[in-house]
PDB file of N, CA and C in Angstrom:
ATOM      1  N   MET A   1      46.373  42.279 -33.836  1.00  0.00           N
ATOM      2  CA  MET A   1      47.352  42.493 -32.892  1.00  0.00           C
ATOM      3  C   MET A   1      48.712  41.678 -32.831  1.00  0.00           C
ATOM      4  N   GLU A   2      49.433  41.738 -33.869  1.00  0.00           N
ATOM      5  CA  GLU A   2      50.720  41.115 -33.288  1.00  0.00           C
ATOM      6  C   GLU A   2      51.827  41.340 -32.692  1.00  0.00           C
ATOM      7  N   TYR A   3      52.282  40.641 -31.856  1.00  0.00           N
ATOM      8  CA  TYR A   3      53.811  41.296 -31.263  1.00  0.00           C
ATOM      9  C   TYR A   3      55.153  40.785 -31.458  1.00  0.00           C
ATOM     10  N   PRO A   4      56.396  40.912 -31.684  1.00  0.00           N
ATOM     11  CA  PRO A   4      57.227  39.992 -31.618  1.00  0.00           C
ATOM     12  C   PRO A   4      57.360  39.004 -30.644  1.00  0.00           C
ATOM     13  N   LYS A   5      57.546  37.927 -30.760  1.00  0.00           N
ATOM     14  CA  LYS A   5      57.507  37.031 -29.602  1.00  0.00           C
ATOM     15  C   LYS A   5      58.673  37.490 -28.711  1.00  0.00           C
ATOM     16  N   ALA A   6      59.635  37.919 -29.072  1.00  0.00           N
ATOM     17  CA  ALA A   6      60.717  37.991 -28.209  1.00  0.00           C
ATOM     18  C   ALA A   6      60.509  38.963 -27.391  1.00  0.00           C
ATOM     19  N   ALA A   7      59.126  39.943 -27.666  1.00  0.00           N
ATOM     20  CA  ALA A   7      59.023  40.841 -26.819  1.00  0.00           C
ATOM     21  C   ALA A   7      58.519  40.271 -25.551  1.00  0.00           C
ATOM     22  N   LEU A   8      57.709  39.453 -25.744  1.00  0.00           N
ATOM     23  CA  LEU A   8      57.022  39.090 -24.391  1.00  0.00           C
ATOM     24  C   LEU A   8      57.649  37.569 -24.191  1.00  0.00           C
ATOM     25  N   ASN A   9      58.503  37.333 -24.212  1.00  0.00           N
ATOM     26  CA  ASN A   9      58.861  36.003 -23.811  1.00  0.00           C
ATOM     27  C   ASN A   9      58.895  36.014 -22.005  1.00  0.00           C
ATOM     28  N   ALA A  10      59.081  34.797 -21.935  1.00  0.00           N
ATOM     29  CA  ALA A  10      59.133  34.512 -20.167  1.00  0.00           C
ATOM     30  C   ALA A  10      60.195  35.528 -19.804  1.00  0.00           C
ATOM     31  N   SER A  11      61.095  35.685 -20.116  1.00  0.00           N
ATOM     32  CA  SER A  11      62.356  36.578 -19.336  1.00  0.00           C
ATOM     33  C   SER A  11      61.925  37.696 -19.274  1.00  0.00           C
ATOM     34  N   TYR A  12      61.298  38.488 -20.067  1.00  0.00           N
ATOM     35  CA  TYR A  12      61.173  39.748 -20.648  1.00  0.00           C
ATOM     36  C   TYR A  12      59.598  40.009 -19.701  1.00  0.00           C
ATOM     37  N   LYS A  13      58.994  39.143 -19.177  1.00  0.00           N
ATOM     38  CA  LYS A  13      57.860  39.418 -18.219  1.00  0.00           C
ATOM     39  C   LYS A  13      58.169  39.002 -16.617  1.00  0.00           C
ATOM     40  N   GLU A  14      59.488  38.088 -16.632  1.00  0.00           N
ATOM     41  CA  GLU A  14      59.757  37.951 -15.312  1.00  0.00           C
ATOM     42  C   GLU A  14      60.679  39.139 -14.845  1.00  0.00           C
ATOM     43  N   LYS A  15      61.312  39.833 -15.417  1.00  0.00           N
ATOM     44  CA  LYS A  15      62.228  40.902 -15.076  1.00  0.00           C
ATOM     45  C   LYS A  15      61.084  41.976 -14.764  1.00  0.00           C
ATOM     46  N   TYR A  16      60.088  42.319 -15.495  1.00  0.00           N
ATOM     47  CA  TYR A  16      59.396  43.741 -15.040  1.00  0.00           C
ATOM     48  C   TYR A  16      58.548  43.001 -14.099  1.00  0.00           C
ATOM     49  N   ILE A  17      57.932  41.807 -14.112  1.00  0.00           N
ATOM     50  CA  ILE A  17      57.062  41.480 -12.506  1.00  0.00           C
ATOM     51  C   ILE A  17      58.394  41.637 -11.548  1.00  0.00           C
ATOM     52  N   SER A  18      59.517  41.240 -11.236  1.00  0.00           N
ATOM     53  CA  SER A  18      60.780  41.107 -10.513  1.00  0.00           C
ATOM     54  C   SER A  18      60.364  42.572  -9.881  1.00  0.00           C
ATOM     55  N   VAL A  19      60.731  43.604 -10.799  1.00  0.00           N
ATOM     56  CA  VAL A  19      60.944  44.847 -10.554  1.00  0.00           C
ATOM     57  C   VAL A  19      59.451  45.726  -9.998  1.00  0.00           C
ATOM     58  N   LEU A  20      58.280  45.257 -10.458  1.00  0.00           N
ATOM     59  CA  LEU A  20      57.417  45.904 -10.102  1.00  0.00           C
ATOM     60  C   LEU A  20      57.301  45.351  -8.497  1.00  0.00           C
ATOM     61  N   THR A  21      57.015  43.879  -8.173  1.00  0.00           N
ATOM     62  CA  THR A  21      56.810  43.566  -7.246  1.00  0.00           C
ATOM     63  C   THR A  21      58.170  43.851  -6.199  1.00  0.00           C
ATOM     64  N   GLU A  22      58.932  44.450  -6.254  1.00  0.00           N
ATOM     65  CA  GLU A  22      60.502  44.800  -5.362  1.00  0.00           C
ATOM     66  C   GLU A  22      59.743  46.512  -4.763  1.00  0.00           C
ATOM     67  N   TYR A  23      58.744  46.919  -5.454  1.00  0.00           N
ATOM     68  CA  TYR A  23      58.804  48.083  -5.057  1.00  0.00           C
ATOM     69  C   TYR A  23      56.687  48.600  -5.071  1.00  0.00           C
ATOM     70  N   LEU A  24      56.068  47.003  -5.005  1.00  0.00           N
ATOM     71  CA  LEU A  24      54.939  47.635  -4.400  1.00  0.00           C
ATOM     72  C   LEU A  24      54.230  48.319  -3.458  1.00  0.00           C
ATOM     73  N   SER A  25      54.944  47.629  -2.681  1.00  0.00           N
ATOM     74  CA  SER A  25      54.451  48.584  -1.238  1.00  0.00           C
ATOM     75  C   SER A  25      54.934  50.115  -0.917  1.00  0.00           C
ATOM     76  N   SER A  26      56.048  50.455  -2.062  1.00  0.00           N
ATOM     77  CA  SER A  26      56.322  52.033  -1.810  1.00  0.00           C
ATOM     78  C   SER A  26      55.250  52.655  -3.093  1.00  0.00           C
ATOM     79  N   LEU A  27      55.040  52.127  -3.899  1.00  0.00           N
ATOM     80  CA  LEU A  27      54.282  51.986  -5.082  1.00  0.00           C
ATOM     81  C   LEU A  27      52.810  52.564  -4.237  1.00  0.00           C
ATOM     82  N   ARG A  28      52.409  51.715  -3.469  1.00  0.00           N
ATOM     83  CA  ARG A  28      50.825  51.833  -2.511  1.00  0.00           C
ATOM     84  C   ARG A  28      50.785  52.560  -1.843  1.00  0.00           C
ATOM     85  N   ALA A  29      51.759  52.730  -0.907  1.00  0.00           N
ATOM     86  CA  ALA A  29      52.215  53.881  -0.048  1.00  0.00           C
ATOM     87  C   ALA A  29      51.875  54.966  -0.873  1.00  0.00           C
ATOM     88  N   LYS A  30      52.370  55.284  -1.837  1.00  0.00           N
ATOM     89  CA  LYS A  30      52.937  56.937  -2.367  1.00  0.00           C
ATOM     90  C   LYS A  30      51.310  57.104  -2.970  1.00  0.00           C
ATOM     91  N   VAL A  31      50.560  55.985  -3.193  1.00  0.00           N
ATOM     92  CA  VAL A  31      49.085  56.574  -3.580  1.00  0.00           C
ATOM     93  C   VAL A  31      48.252  56.828  -2.656  1.00  0.00           C
ATOM     94  N   GLY A  32      48.396  56.003  -1.089  1.00  0.00           N
ATOM     95  CA  GLY A  32      47.829  56.242   0.161  1.00  0.00           C
ATOM     96  C   GLY A  32      46.587  55.122  -0.153  1.00  0.00           C
ATOM     97  N   VAL A  33      46.715  54.035  -0.853  1.00  0.00           N
ATOM     98  CA  VAL A  33      45.577  53.108  -0.549  1.00  0.00           C
ATOM     99  C   VAL A  33      46.310  51.880   0.436  1.00  0.00           C
ATOM    100  N   THR A  34      45.375  51.161   1.285  1.00  0.00           N
ATOM    101  CA  THR A  34      45.591  49.966   1.992  1.00  0.00           C
ATOM    102  C   THR A  34      45.967  48.738   0.782  1.00  0.00           C
ATOM    103  N   GLN A  35      46.253  47.574   1.424  1.00  0.00           N
ATOM    104  CA  GLN A  35      46.747  46.564   0.684  1.00  0.00           C
ATOM    105  C   GLN A  35      45.188  45.868   0.519  1.00  0.00           C
ATOM    106  N   GLU A  36      43.968  46.321   1.019  1.00  0.00           N
ATOM    107  CA  GLU A  36      42.445  45.477   1.072  1.00  0.00           C
ATOM    108  C   GLU A  36      41.873  46.704  -0.241  1.00  0.00           C
ATOM    109  N   GLU A  37      42.235  47.898  -0.148  1.00  0.00           N
ATOM    110  CA  GLU A  37      41.711  49.037  -0.836  1.00  0.00           C
ATOM    111  C   GLU A  37      42.119  48.664  -2.523  1.00  0.00           C
ATOM    112  N   LEU A  38      43.521  48.256  -2.601  1.00  0.00           N
ATOM    113  CA  LEU A  38      43.649  48.056  -4.005  1.00  0.00           C
ATOM    114  C   LEU A  38      43.682  46.710  -4.070  1.00  0.00           C
ATOM    115  N   SER A  39      43.498  45.592  -3.364  1.00  0.00           N
ATOM    116  CA  SER A  39      43.161  44.419  -3.899  1.00  0.00           C
ATOM    117  C   SER A  39      41.730  43.883  -4.735  1.00  0.00           C
ATOM    118  N   LYS A  40      40.644  44.912  -3.938  1.00  0.00           N
ATOM    119  CA  LYS A  40      39.448  45.526  -4.134  1.00  0.00           C
ATOM    120  C   LYS A  40      39.471  46.003  -5.973  1.00  0.00           C
ATOM    121  N   ILE A  41      40.234  47.038  -5.905  1.00  0.00           N
ATOM    122  CA  ILE A  41      40.410  47.880  -7.494  1.00  0.00           C
ATOM    123  C   ILE A  41      41.359  46.905  -8.198  1.00  0.00           C
ATOM    124  N   ILE A  42      42.141  46.084  -8.256  1.00  0.00           N
ATOM    125  CA  ILE A  42      42.178  45.281  -8.734  1.00  0.00           C
ATOM    126  C   ILE A  42      41.550  43.777  -9.161  1.00  0.00           C
ATOM    127  N   GLY A  43      40.849  43.783  -8.314  1.00  0.00           N
ATOM    128  CA  GLY A  43      39.669  42.493  -8.403  1.00  0.00           C
ATOM    129  C   GLY A  43      40.304  41.316  -8.009  1.00  0.00           C
ATOM    130  N   VAL A  44      40.879  41.334  -6.450  1.00  0.00           N
ATOM    131  CA  VAL A  44      41.764  39.840  -6.170  1.00  0.00           C
ATOM    132  C   VAL A  44      41.469  40.041  -4.735  1.00  0.00           C
ATOM    133  N   SER A  45      41.453  38.940  -3.908  1.00  0.00           N
ATOM    134  CA  SER A  45      41.197  38.706  -2.322  1.00  0.00           C
ATOM    135  C   SER A  45      42.288  39.535  -1.916  1.00  0.00           C
ATOM    136  N   ARG A  46      42.590  40.294  -0.627  1.00  0.00           N
ATOM    137  CA  ARG A  46      43.602  41.163   0.289  1.00  0.00           C
ATOM    138  C   ARG A  46      44.985  39.975   0.597  1.00  0.00           C
ATOM    139  N   GLN A  47      44.255  38.517   0.991  1.00  0.00           N
ATOM    140  CA  GLN A  47      45.260  37.774   0.942  1.00  0.00           C
ATOM    141  C   GLN A  47      46.398  37.381  -0.070  1.00  0.00           C
ATOM    142  N   THR A  48      45.965  37.307  -1.635  1.00  0.00           N
ATOM    143  CA  THR A  48      46.453  37.401  -2.361  1.00  0.00           C
ATOM    144  C   THR A  48      47.408  38.657  -2.959  1.00  0.00           C
ATOM    145  N   TYR A  49      46.984  39.301  -2.660  1.00  0.00           N
ATOM    146  CA  TYR A  49      47.887  40.589  -3.075  1.00  0.00           C
ATOM    147  C   TYR A  49      48.753  40.902  -1.829  1.00  0.00           C
ATOM    148  N   TYR A  50      48.342  40.598  -0.481  1.00  0.00           N
ATOM    149  CA  TYR A  50      49.311  40.502   0.612  1.00  0.00           C
ATOM    150  C   TYR A  50      50.572  39.270  -0.079  1.00  0.00           C
ATOM    151  N   ALA A  51      50.204  38.463  -0.345  1.00  0.00           N
ATOM    152  CA  ALA A  51      51.045  37.374  -0.916  1.00  0.00           C
ATOM    153  C   ALA A  51      52.102  37.553  -1.853  1.00  0.00           C
ATOM    154  N   ILE A  52      51.357  38.569  -2.841  1.00  0.00           N
ATOM    155  CA  ILE A  52      52.268  38.921  -4.149  1.00  0.00           C
ATOM    156  C   ILE A  52      53.294  40.072  -3.384  1.00  0.00           C
ATOM    157  N   GLU A  53      52.829  40.945  -2.726  1.00  0.00           N
ATOM    158  CA  GLU A  53      53.722  41.930  -1.888  1.00  0.00           C
ATOM    159  C   GLU A  53      54.638  41.719  -1.470  1.00  0.00           C
ATOM    160  N   ASN A  54      54.325  40.678  -0.653  1.00  0.00           N
ATOM    161  CA  ASN A  54      55.799  40.067   0.445  1.00  0.00           C
ATOM    162  C   ASN A  54      56.117  38.773  -0.239  1.00  0.00           C
ATOM    163  N   ARG A  55      56.152  38.923  -1.555  1.00  0.00           N
ATOM    164  CA  ARG A  55      56.811  37.368  -2.220  1.00  0.00           C
ATOM    165  C   ARG A  55      57.036  36.368  -2.020  1.00  0.00           C
ATOM    166  N   SER A  56      55.634  35.929  -1.452  1.00  0.00           N
ATOM    167  CA  SER A  56      55.356  34.643  -0.999  1.00  0.00           C
ATOM    168  C   SER A  56      54.463  34.200  -1.914  1.00  0.00           C
ATOM    169  N   ARG A  57      54.080  34.674  -3.185  1.00  0.00           N
ATOM    170  CA  ARG A  57      53.521  33.951  -4.101  1.00  0.00           C
ATOM    171  C   ARG A  57      53.874  35.221  -5.676  1.00  0.00           C
ATOM    172  N   GLU A  58      54.215  34.381  -6.487  1.00  0.00           N
ATOM    173  CA  GLU A  58      54.381  34.777  -7.834  1.00  0.00           C
ATOM    174  C   GLU A  58      53.399  36.031  -8.300  1.00  0.00           C
ATOM    175  N   MET A  59      53.263  37.269  -8.862  1.00  0.00           N
ATOM    176  CA  MET A  59      52.477  37.980  -9.640  1.00  0.00           C
ATOM    177  C   MET A  59      52.466  37.340 -11.285  1.00  0.00           C
ATOM    178  N   SER A  60      51.076  37.231 -11.789  1.00  0.00           N
ATOM    179  CA  SER A  60      50.984  36.926 -13.064  1.00  0.00           C
ATOM    180  C   SER A  60      50.957  38.089 -13.935  1.00  0.00           C
ATOM    181  N   TRP A  61      51.056  38.002 -15.221  1.00  0.00           N
ATOM    182  CA  TRP A  61      51.593  38.494 -16.064  1.00  0.00           C
ATOM    183  C   TRP A  61      49.771  39.600 -16.577  1.00  0.00           C
ATOM    184  N   SER A  62      49.147  39.252 -16.203  1.00  0.00           N
ATOM    185  CA  SER A  62      47.737  39.719 -16.264  1.00  0.00           C
ATOM    186  C   SER A  62      47.544  40.614 -15.252  1.00  0.00           C
ATOM    187  N   MET A  63      47.822  40.425 -13.806  1.00  0.00           N
ATOM    188  CA  MET A  63      47.934  41.092 -12.571  1.00  0.00           C
ATOM    189  C   MET A  63      49.049  42.307 -12.601  1.00  0.00           C
ATOM    190  N   TYR A  64      50.227  41.756 -13.104  1.00  0.00           N
ATOM    191  CA  TYR A  64      51.119  43.035 -13.463  1.00  0.00           C
ATOM    192  C   TYR A  64      50.605  43.917 -14.123  1.00  0.00           C
ATOM    193  N   MET A  65      50.018  44.048 -15.463  1.00  0.00           N
ATOM    194  CA  MET A  65      49.613  44.734 -16.546  1.00  0.00           C
ATOM    195  C   MET A  65      48.566  45.305 -15.562  1.00  0.00           C
ATOM    196  N   THR A  66      47.502  44.643 -14.989  1.00  0.00           N
ATOM    197  CA  THR A  66      46.716  46.006 -14.246  1.00  0.00           C
ATOM    198  C   THR A  66      47.189  46.732 -13.242  1.00  0.00           C
ATOM    199  N   LEU A  67      47.977  45.954 -12.464  1.00  0.00           N
ATOM    200  CA  LEU A  67      48.895  47.188 -11.757  1.00  0.00           C
ATOM    201  C   LEU A  67      49.560  48.460 -12.370  1.00  0.00           C
ATOM    202  N   ILE A  68      50.072  47.925 -13.339  1.00  0.00           N
ATOM    203  CA  ILE A  68      51.023  48.854 -14.095  1.00  0.00           C
ATOM    204  C   ILE A  68      49.736  49.977 -14.594  1.00  0.00           C
ATOM    205  N   MET A  69      48.910  49.464 -15.168  1.00  0.00           N
ATOM    206  CA  MET A  69      47.669  50.501 -15.512  1.00  0.00           C
ATOM    207  C   MET A  69      47.241  51.183 -14.518  1.00  0.00           C
ATOM    208  N   PHE A  70      46.894  50.688 -13.447  1.00  0.00           N
ATOM    209  CA  PHE A  70      46.559  51.455 -12.206  1.00  0.00           C
ATOM    210  C   PHE A  70      47.664  52.292 -11.480  1.00  0.00           C
ATOM    211  N   PHE A  71      49.117  52.257 -11.596  1.00  0.00           N
ATOM    212  CA  PHE A  71      49.896  53.181 -11.019  1.00  0.00           C
ATOM    213  C   PHE A  71      50.632  54.085 -12.269  1.00  0.00           C
ATOM    214  N   ASP A  72      49.987  53.868 -13.236  1.00  0.00           N
ATOM    215  CA  ASP A  72      50.423  54.910 -14.441  1.00  0.00           C
ATOM    216  C   ASP A  72      49.558  55.709 -14.495  1.00  0.00           C
ATOM    217  N   THR A  73      48.326  55.670 -14.562  1.00  0.00           N
ATOM    218  CA  THR A  73      47.580  56.672 -14.668  1.00  0.00           C
ATOM    219  C   THR A  73      47.318  57.505 -12.984  1.00  0.00           C
ATOM    220  N   ASN A  74      47.761  57.236 -11.853  1.00  0.00           N
ATOM    221  CA  ASN A  74      47.740  57.982 -10.934  1.00  0.00           C
ATOM    222  C   ASN A  74      48.953  58.549 -10.875  1.00  0.00           C
ATOM    223  N   GLU A  75      48.522  59.912 -10.835  1.00  0.00           N
ATOM    224  CA  GLU A  75      50.001  61.120 -11.026  1.00  0.00           C
ATOM    225  C   GLU A  75      51.027  61.225 -10.275  1.00  0.00           C
ATOM    226  N   LYS A  76      50.699  60.360  -9.204  1.00  0.00           N
ATOM    227  CA  LYS A  76      51.933  60.233  -7.205  1.00  0.00           C
ATOM    228  C   LYS A  76      52.776  59.111  -8.307  1.00  0.00           C
ATOM    229  N   THR A  77      52.458  58.263  -9.096  1.00  0.00           N
ATOM    230  CA  THR A  77      53.345  57.107  -9.310  1.00  0.00           C
ATOM    231  C   THR A  77      53.716  56.811 -10.799  1.00  0.00           C
ATOM    232  N   HIS A  78      53.173  57.908 -11.608  1.00  0.00           N
ATOM    233  CA  HIS A  78      53.490  57.497 -12.913  1.00  0.00           C
ATOM    234  C   HIS A  78      54.814  57.763 -13.601  1.00  0.00           C
ATOM    235  N   ASP A  79      55.141  59.003 -12.902  1.00  0.00           N
ATOM    236  CA  ASP A  79      56.680  59.149 -13.329  1.00  0.00           C
ATOM    237  C   ASP A  79      57.853  57.647 -12.306  1.00  0.00           C
ATOM    238  N   MET A  80      57.135  57.219 -11.206  1.00  0.00           N
ATOM    239  CA  MET A  80      58.222  56.743 -10.582  1.00  0.00           C
ATOM    240  C   MET A  80      58.505  55.212 -11.121  1.00  0.00           C
ATOM    241  N   LEU A  81      57.079  54.751 -11.402  1.00  0.00           N
ATOM    242  CA  LEU A  81      57.469  53.749 -12.403  1.00  0.00           C
ATOM    243  C   LEU A  81      58.471  53.737 -13.032  1.00  0.00           C
ATOM    244  N   ARG A  82      58.701  54.437 -14.408  1.00  0.00           N
ATOM    245  CA  ARG A  82      59.789  54.722 -14.935  1.00  0.00           C
ATOM    246  C   ARG A  82      61.434  54.909 -14.554  1.00  0.00           C
ATOM    247  N   THR A  83      61.262  55.519 -13.659  1.00  0.00           N
ATOM    248  CA  THR A  83      62.621  55.398 -12.773  1.00  0.00           C
ATOM    249  C   THR A  83      62.937  53.916 -12.271  1.00  0.00           C
ATOM    250  N   ILE A  84      61.920  53.487 -11.697  1.00  0.00           N
ATOM    251  CA  ILE A  84      62.613  52.250 -10.938  1.00  0.00           C
ATOM    252  C   ILE A  84      62.689  50.995 -11.979  1.00  0.00           C
ATOM    253  N   GLY A  85      61.964  51.341 -13.496  1.00  0.00           N
ATOM    254  CA  GLY A  85      62.188  50.634 -14.285  1.00  0.00           C
ATOM    255  C   GLY A  85      61.287  49.357 -14.313  1.00  0.00           C
ATOM    256  N   ALA A  86      59.933  49.891 -13.765  1.00  0.00           N
ATOM    257  CA  ALA A  86      58.833  48.770 -14.128  1.00  0.00           C
ATOM    258  C   ALA A  86      57.849  48.855 -15.308  1.00  0.00           C
ATOM    259  N   TYR A  87      58.390  50.232 -15.519  1.00  0.00           N
ATOM    260  CA  TYR A  87      56.979  50.505 -16.935  1.00  0.00           C
ATOM    261  C   TYR A  87      57.795  50.231 -18.094  1.00  0.00           C
ATOM    262  N   PRO A  88      57.238  49.051 -18.839  1.00  0.00           N
ATOM    263  CA  PRO A  88      57.758  48.224 -19.981  1.00  0.00           C
ATOM    264  C   PRO A  88      57.157  49.098 -21.202  1.00  0.00           C
ATOM    265  N   ASP A  89      58.395  50.003 -21.458  1.00  0.00           N
ATOM    266  CA  ASP A  89      58.621  51.101 -22.363  1.00  0.00           C
ATOM    267  C   ASP A  89      58.504  50.277 -23.735  1.00  0.00           C
ATOM    268  N   GLU A  90      59.197  48.977 -24.085  1.00  0.00           N
ATOM    269  CA  GLU A  90      59.237  48.149 -25.260  1.00  0.00           C
ATOM    270  C   GLU A  90      57.791  47.657 -25.525  1.00  0.00           C
ATOM    271  N   LEU A  91      57.220  47.253 -24.990  1.00  0.00           N
ATOM    272  CA  LEU A  91      55.654  46.903 -24.887  1.00  0.00           C
ATOM    273  C   LEU A  91      54.928  48.032 -25.119  1.00  0.00           C
ATOM    274  N   MET A  92      55.056  48.914 -24.686  1.00  0.00           N
ATOM    275  CA  MET A  92      54.218  49.997 -25.161  1.00  0.00           C
ATOM    276  C   MET A  92      54.354  50.795 -26.412  1.00  0.00           C
ATOM    277  N   ALA A  93      55.598  50.917 -26.328  1.00  0.00           N
ATOM    278  CA  ALA A  93      55.820  51.492 -27.725  1.00  0.00           C
ATOM    279  C   ALA A  93      55.498  50.618 -28.917  1.00  0.00           C
ATOM    280  N   LEU A  94      55.525  49.243 -28.887  1.00  0.00           N
ATOM    281  CA  LEU A  94      55.012  48.275 -29.703  1.00  0.00           C
ATOM    282  C   LEU A  94      53.455  48.193 -29.960  1.00  0.00           C
ATOM    283  N   ILE A  95      52.739  48.689 -29.234  1.00  0.00           N
ATOM    284  CA  ILE A  95      51.496  49.019 -29.100  1.00  0.00           C
ATOM    285  C   ILE A  95      50.892  50.238 -29.501  1.00  0.00           C
ATOM    286  N   LYS A  96      51.336  51.051 -29.324  1.00  0.00           N
ATOM    287  CA  LYS A  96      51.554  52.655 -30.203  1.00  0.00           C
ATOM    288  C   LYS A  96      51.471  52.471 -31.751  1.00  0.00           C
ATOM    289  N   GLN A  97      52.448  51.355 -31.961  1.00  0.00           N
ATOM    290  CA  GLN A  97      52.649  51.506 -33.604  1.00  0.00           C
ATOM    291  C   GLN A  97      51.384  50.729 -34.226  1.00  0.00           C
ATOM    292  N   LYS A  98      50.515  49.759 -33.407  1.00  0.00           N
ATOM    293  CA  LYS A  98      49.491  49.275 -34.088  1.00  0.00           C
ATOM    294  C   LYS A  98      48.409  50.143 -34.222  1.00  0.00           C
TER     295      LYS A  98
END
């Protein structure tokens, strides 16, 4: 499966990572999980997750995708992802086409 390079360029990724990072604590609170619980779910240390949520460490694209999947499959945060602009509609549309 091959995607147009423009859809996955660094600027595209940075845009979505930035939005998700801004709302991480709100999304996590809406689901009702602690930083420690969420870090275990996504497979990183609590310290790593804490640093990302507090913006002292940048989130990787793979972590972004993992968090998007987690929050998108939760009914409490599914719509919020779209409202805040953190859900990559263009990328998901490309995936559905394949």
